[in-house]
Amino acid sequence: MRFALIDGAKAQFPVHRLCRVLGVSQSGYFAWRDRPACRRQRDDTVLLAHVRSAFALSNSTYGSPRMTRELRDSGLTVGRRRIARLMRDNGLRARCFQALVSGQARSVAELARVEGVSDRYLSSLLPLAFLAPDIVEAIASGRQPADLTAHRLIIGCIATWLSPLCAKPWPCAVRQPG
């Protein structure tokens, strides 16, 4: 950690002074700098190239869970948390929600105007971003019924097709009359 700090600040200050202030030897810093990257760093670099490629192909819409599934489908052995760390450390966030989270868009209407869609359409899609992982997995693996549409997911009538997939019953998100 100290060596990385020295490496970042060496343009503003002499290395010998940074080493003295941080209490490390100059030879230790230069040995660290010339040391080859460890296997995990090399693997992360290769994996990051795959993540960036898939992220660009998704038009910057994939988050870490979806990215993990995409990379696994392409034959890579990856973990969800590792992908999340790589995406977070490199500033790769899903485009729509990045504007809302960062405050660039103050409302759904403003975000919809920027994205070129109606605010009603974007508002109807927002709940789909927060589906339970079991539902997303069922859809991704193709186990959902053919008549399942975004409209049915939004109104919350998924209990009828989820009950065979899960041991526990799933309540509808919207209370049914009667």
Protein backbone atom coordinates (compact mmCIF):
# COMPACT_ATOMS: atom_id res chain seq x y z
CA MET A 1 0.00 0.00 0.00
CA ARG A 2 2.81 2.42 0.84
CA PHE A 3 4.64 1.57 -2.36
CA ALA A 4 1.51 2.27 -4.42
CA LEU A 5 1.21 5.63 -2.68
CA ILE A 6 4.82 6.42 -3.55
CA ASP A 7 4.22 5.35 -7.15
CA GLY A 8 1.25 7.70 -7.41
CA ALA A 9 3.01 10.70 -5.88
CA LYS A 10 6.46 10.37 -7.46
CA ALA A 11 5.61 12.95 -10.12
CA GLN A 12 5.16 15.65 -7.46
CA PHE A 13 7.88 14.64 -4.95
CA PRO A 14 11.26 12.90 -5.11
CA VAL A 15 11.14 9.17 -4.40
CA HIS A 16 13.81 9.35 -1.68
CA ARG A 17 11.76 11.91 0.27
CA LEU A 18 8.53 9.89 -0.07
CA CYS A 19 10.33 6.76 1.12
CA ARG A 20 11.77 8.57 4.13
CA VAL A 21 8.39 10.09 5.11
CA LEU A 22 6.59 6.74 4.79
CA GLY A 23 9.36 4.82 6.53
CA VAL A 24 10.32 2.42 3.74
CA SER A 25 13.60 1.85 1.96
CA GLN A 26 14.21 3.06 -1.57
CA SER A 27 15.51 -0.37 -2.54
CA GLY A 28 12.25 -1.91 -1.28
CA TYR A 29 10.23 0.48 -3.43
CA PHE A 30 12.29 -0.19 -6.56
CA ALA A 31 12.16 -3.96 -5.94
CA TRP A 32 8.35 -3.70 -5.62
CA ARG A 33 8.11 -1.63 -8.81
CA ASP A 34 10.22 -4.05 -10.86
CA ARG A 35 8.54 -7.18 -9.50
CA PRO A 36 6.22 -8.90 -11.99
CA ALA A 37 2.50 -8.89 -11.27
CA CYS A 38 1.16 -11.83 -9.27
CA ARG A 39 -1.06 -14.44 -10.87
CA ARG A 40 -4.27 -12.94 -9.47
CA GLN A 41 -3.42 -9.50 -10.87
CA ARG A 42 -2.69 -11.00 -14.28
CA ASP A 43 -5.95 -12.98 -14.16
CA ASP A 44 -7.85 -9.85 -13.12
CA THR A 45 -6.39 -7.95 -16.07
CA VAL A 46 -7.53 -10.64 -18.51
CA LEU A 47 -10.92 -10.90 -16.83
CA LEU A 48 -11.34 -7.12 -16.91
CA ALA A 49 -10.84 -7.18 -20.67
CA HIS A 50 -13.70 -9.70 -20.95
CA VAL A 51 -15.86 -7.60 -18.60
CA ARG A 52 -15.21 -4.41 -20.58
CA SER A 53 -16.02 -6.17 -23.84
CA ALA A 54 -19.30 -7.63 -22.55
CA PHE A 55 -20.18 -4.31 -20.91
CA ALA A 56 -19.71 -2.49 -24.21
CA LEU A 57 -21.76 -5.10 -26.07
CA SER A 58 -24.58 -4.70 -23.53
CA ASN A 59 -24.65 -0.97 -24.25
CA SER A 60 -23.55 -0.31 -20.65
CA THR A 61 -26.68 -1.91 -19.19
CA TYR A 62 -25.30 -5.02 -17.44
CA GLY A 63 -24.74 -4.97 -13.69
CA SER A 64 -22.52 -7.46 -11.89
CA PRO A 65 -25.08 -10.33 -11.55
CA ARG A 66 -25.95 -10.24 -15.22
CA MET A 67 -22.30 -9.79 -16.19
CA THR A 68 -21.37 -12.85 -14.12
CA ARG A 69 -23.96 -14.97 -15.93
CA GLU A 70 -22.79 -13.66 -19.30
CA LEU A 71 -19.16 -14.55 -18.57
CA ARG A 72 -20.09 -17.97 -17.20
CA ASP A 73 -22.14 -18.64 -20.33
CA SER A 74 -19.07 -17.83 -22.41
CA GLY A 75 -17.07 -20.49 -20.54
CA LEU A 76 -15.21 -18.48 -17.90
CA THR A 77 -15.11 -19.57 -14.27
CA VAL A 78 -15.90 -16.41 -12.32
CA GLY A 79 -17.49 -15.40 -9.05
CA ARG A 80 -20.14 -12.75 -8.56
CA ARG A 81 -18.16 -10.80 -5.96
CA ARG A 82 -15.00 -10.75 -8.05
CA ILE A 83 -16.91 -9.37 -11.03
CA ALA A 84 -18.61 -6.82 -8.77
CA ARG A 85 -15.21 -5.73 -7.40
CA LEU A 86 -13.70 -5.40 -10.88
CA MET A 87 -16.69 -3.42 -12.15
CA ARG A 88 -16.75 -1.18 -9.07
CA ASP A 89 -12.99 -0.52 -9.12
CA ASN A 90 -13.12 0.40 -12.81
CA GLY A 91 -16.27 2.53 -12.70
CA LEU A 92 -18.46 0.20 -14.76
CA ARG A 93 -22.05 0.78 -13.65
CA ALA A 94 -25.30 0.14 -15.43
CA ARG A 95 -26.09 3.28 -17.39
CA CYS A 96 -29.68 3.92 -16.35
CA PHE A 97 -29.19 3.53 -12.64
CA GLN A 98 -25.82 5.25 -12.57
CA ALA A 99 -27.49 8.56 -13.37
CA LEU A 100 -30.10 8.08 -10.65
CA VAL A 101 -27.63 6.95 -7.98
CA SER A 102 -25.04 9.63 -8.71
CA GLY A 103 -27.64 12.40 -8.79
CA GLN A 104 -26.99 13.34 -12.41
CA ALA A 105 -30.67 12.74 -13.08
CA ARG A 106 -32.92 14.21 -10.44
CA SER A 107 -36.00 12.28 -11.44
CA VAL A 108 -37.20 9.40 -13.55
CA ALA A 109 -38.69 11.93 -16.00
CA GLU A 110 -35.31 13.62 -16.46
CA LEU A 111 -33.56 10.28 -16.93
CA ALA A 112 -36.18 9.19 -19.46
CA ARG A 113 -35.64 12.40 -21.44
CA VAL A 114 -31.87 11.79 -21.48
CA GLU A 115 -32.32 8.15 -22.54
CA GLY A 116 -34.84 9.08 -25.23
CA VAL A 117 -37.75 7.06 -23.85
CA SER A 118 -40.98 8.05 -22.18
CA ASP A 119 -40.96 8.44 -18.42
CA ARG A 120 -43.92 6.07 -18.21
CA TYR A 121 -41.94 3.37 -20.02
CA LEU A 122 -38.86 3.84 -17.80
CA SER A 123 -41.01 3.85 -14.66
CA SER A 124 -42.52 0.56 -15.71
CA LEU A 125 -39.07 -0.98 -16.23
CA LEU A 126 -37.53 0.14 -12.93
CA PRO A 127 -39.21 -2.59 -10.82
CA LEU A 128 -37.74 -5.22 -13.15
CA ALA A 129 -34.25 -4.15 -12.09
CA PHE A 130 -34.96 -5.34 -8.57
CA LEU A 131 -36.34 -8.82 -9.26
CA ALA A 132 -35.34 -11.58 -6.88
CA PRO A 133 -32.36 -13.64 -8.05
CA ASP A 134 -34.53 -16.79 -8.29
CA ILE A 135 -36.82 -15.08 -10.77
CA VAL A 136 -33.94 -13.73 -12.84
CA GLU A 137 -32.29 -17.16 -12.85
CA ALA A 138 -35.52 -18.82 -13.99
CA ILE A 139 -35.86 -16.32 -16.83
CA ALA A 140 -32.18 -16.59 -17.79
CA SER A 141 -32.33 -20.38 -17.89
CA GLY A 142 -35.55 -20.36 -19.90
CA ARG A 143 -37.77 -21.98 -17.26
CA GLN A 144 -40.41 -19.24 -17.34
CA PRO A 145 -43.70 -19.86 -19.17
CA ALA A 146 -44.05 -18.53 -22.69
CA ASP A 147 -46.86 -16.17 -21.71
CA LEU A 148 -44.72 -14.42 -19.09
CA THR A 149 -44.32 -10.82 -20.18
CA ALA A 150 -42.87 -7.69 -18.63
CA HIS A 151 -46.43 -6.58 -17.95
CA ARG A 152 -47.15 -9.71 -15.90
CA LEU A 153 -43.93 -9.22 -13.94
CA ILE A 154 -44.72 -5.60 -13.24
CA ILE A 155 -48.21 -6.27 -11.92
CA GLY A 156 -46.76 -8.99 -9.73
CA CYS A 157 -48.68 -12.07 -10.76
CA ILE A 158 -45.68 -14.37 -10.70
CA ALA A 159 -46.78 -16.63 -7.86
CA THR A 160 -48.62 -18.91 -10.25
CA TRP A 161 -45.52 -19.95 -12.16
CA LEU A 162 -42.98 -19.68 -9.35
CA SER A 163 -44.67 -22.15 -7.01
CA PRO A 164 -43.33 -25.24 -8.86
CA LEU A 165 -39.82 -23.76 -8.86
CA CYS A 166 -39.62 -23.06 -5.15
CA ALA A 167 -40.56 -24.95 -2.03
CA LYS A 168 -42.14 -21.92 -0.37
CA PRO A 169 -45.07 -19.97 -1.87
CA TRP A 170 -44.34 -16.56 -3.27
CA PRO A 171 -46.84 -13.79 -2.53
CA CYS A 172 -47.91 -11.49 -5.32
CA ALA A 173 -46.43 -8.02 -5.20
CA VAL A 174 -49.86 -6.53 -5.93
CA ARG A 175 -52.81 -7.60 -3.81
CA GLN A 176 -55.46 -9.35 -5.87
CA PRO A 177 -59.06 -8.20 -5.37
CA GLY A 178 -61.38 -10.45 -3.40
